[in-house]
């Protein structure tokens, strides 16, 4: 069985896609995911993350991993 490459989506605090070290929040998908579905889910997770009022909770949930 061939390993699938993880999908990673990262965002700046203002919601723009980010690459490298400029990301404030990221979501990584391991397993078999449809890219379009994963991207929509990552955007939803980012919006929920951004609305979190507690800065400590935002800090601890800034790097999310989803495993299928």
Protein backbone atom coordinates (compact mmCIF):
# COMPACT_ATOMS: atom_id res chain seq x y z
CA UNK A 1 0.00 0.00 0.00
CA UNK A 2 1.45 3.33 -1.06
CA UNK A 3 1.64 6.09 1.51
CA UNK A 4 -0.44 9.15 0.77
CA UNK A 5 1.12 12.55 1.03
CA UNK A 6 -0.27 14.71 3.83
CA UNK A 7 -2.33 17.75 2.86
CA UNK A 8 -1.44 20.94 4.75
CA UNK A 9 -3.35 24.20 4.78
CA UNK A 10 -1.99 27.22 6.63
CA UNK A 11 -3.44 30.68 7.20
CA UNK A 12 -2.31 34.09 8.35
CA UNK A 13 -4.35 35.80 11.06
CA UNK A 14 -6.30 37.76 8.42
CA UNK A 15 -7.36 34.56 6.63
CA UNK A 16 -4.98 34.50 3.69
CA UNK A 17 -3.29 31.23 2.73
CA UNK A 18 0.25 31.11 4.09
CA UNK A 19 3.31 29.10 3.35
CA UNK A 20 6.37 28.52 5.45
CA UNK A 21 6.90 30.44 8.68
CA UNK A 22 4.23 33.11 8.10
CA UNK A 23 1.35 30.90 9.22
CA UNK A 24 -0.55 31.66 12.40
CA UNK A 25 -2.70 28.51 12.16
CA UNK A 26 -2.35 25.27 10.20
CA UNK A 27 -4.31 22.08 9.61
CA UNK A 28 -2.60 18.91 8.36
CA UNK A 29 -4.54 15.93 6.99
CA UNK A 30 -2.99 12.44 7.10
CA UNK A 31 -4.76 9.66 5.26
CA UNK A 32 -7.08 9.58 2.29
CA UNK A 33 -8.85 12.93 1.94
CA UNK A 34 -10.39 14.69 -1.01
CA UNK A 35 -8.37 17.88 -1.44
CA UNK A 36 -11.41 20.10 -2.04
CA UNK A 37 -13.24 18.72 1.00
CA UNK A 38 -10.13 19.02 3.18
CA UNK A 39 -9.60 22.61 2.08
CA UNK A 40 -13.19 23.54 2.97
CA UNK A 41 -12.83 21.82 6.35
CA UNK A 42 -9.53 23.62 6.99
CA UNK A 43 -11.18 26.98 6.22
CA UNK A 44 -14.04 26.14 8.64
CA UNK A 45 -11.54 25.13 11.34
CA UNK A 46 -9.62 28.37 10.78
CA UNK A 47 -12.77 30.50 11.16
CA UNK A 48 -13.63 28.71 14.42
CA UNK A 49 -10.05 29.14 15.62
CA UNK A 50 -10.05 32.85 14.79
CA UNK A 51 -13.32 33.41 16.72
CA UNK A 52 -11.85 31.84 19.88
CA UNK A 53 -11.58 34.64 22.41
CA UNK A 54 -9.05 32.95 24.69
CA UNK A 55 -5.51 33.61 23.44
CA UNK A 56 -4.11 30.58 25.28
CA UNK A 57 -6.67 28.27 23.67
CA UNK A 58 -5.80 29.75 20.26
CA UNK A 59 -2.12 29.17 20.92
CA UNK A 60 -2.60 25.50 21.84
CA UNK A 61 -4.93 24.80 18.88
CA UNK A 62 -2.90 26.64 16.22
CA UNK A 63 -1.49 23.41 14.73
CA UNK A 64 -4.24 20.87 14.12
CA UNK A 65 -3.81 17.36 12.72
CA UNK A 66 -6.64 15.29 11.23
CA UNK A 67 -6.09 11.56 10.75
CA UNK A 68 -8.33 9.27 8.70
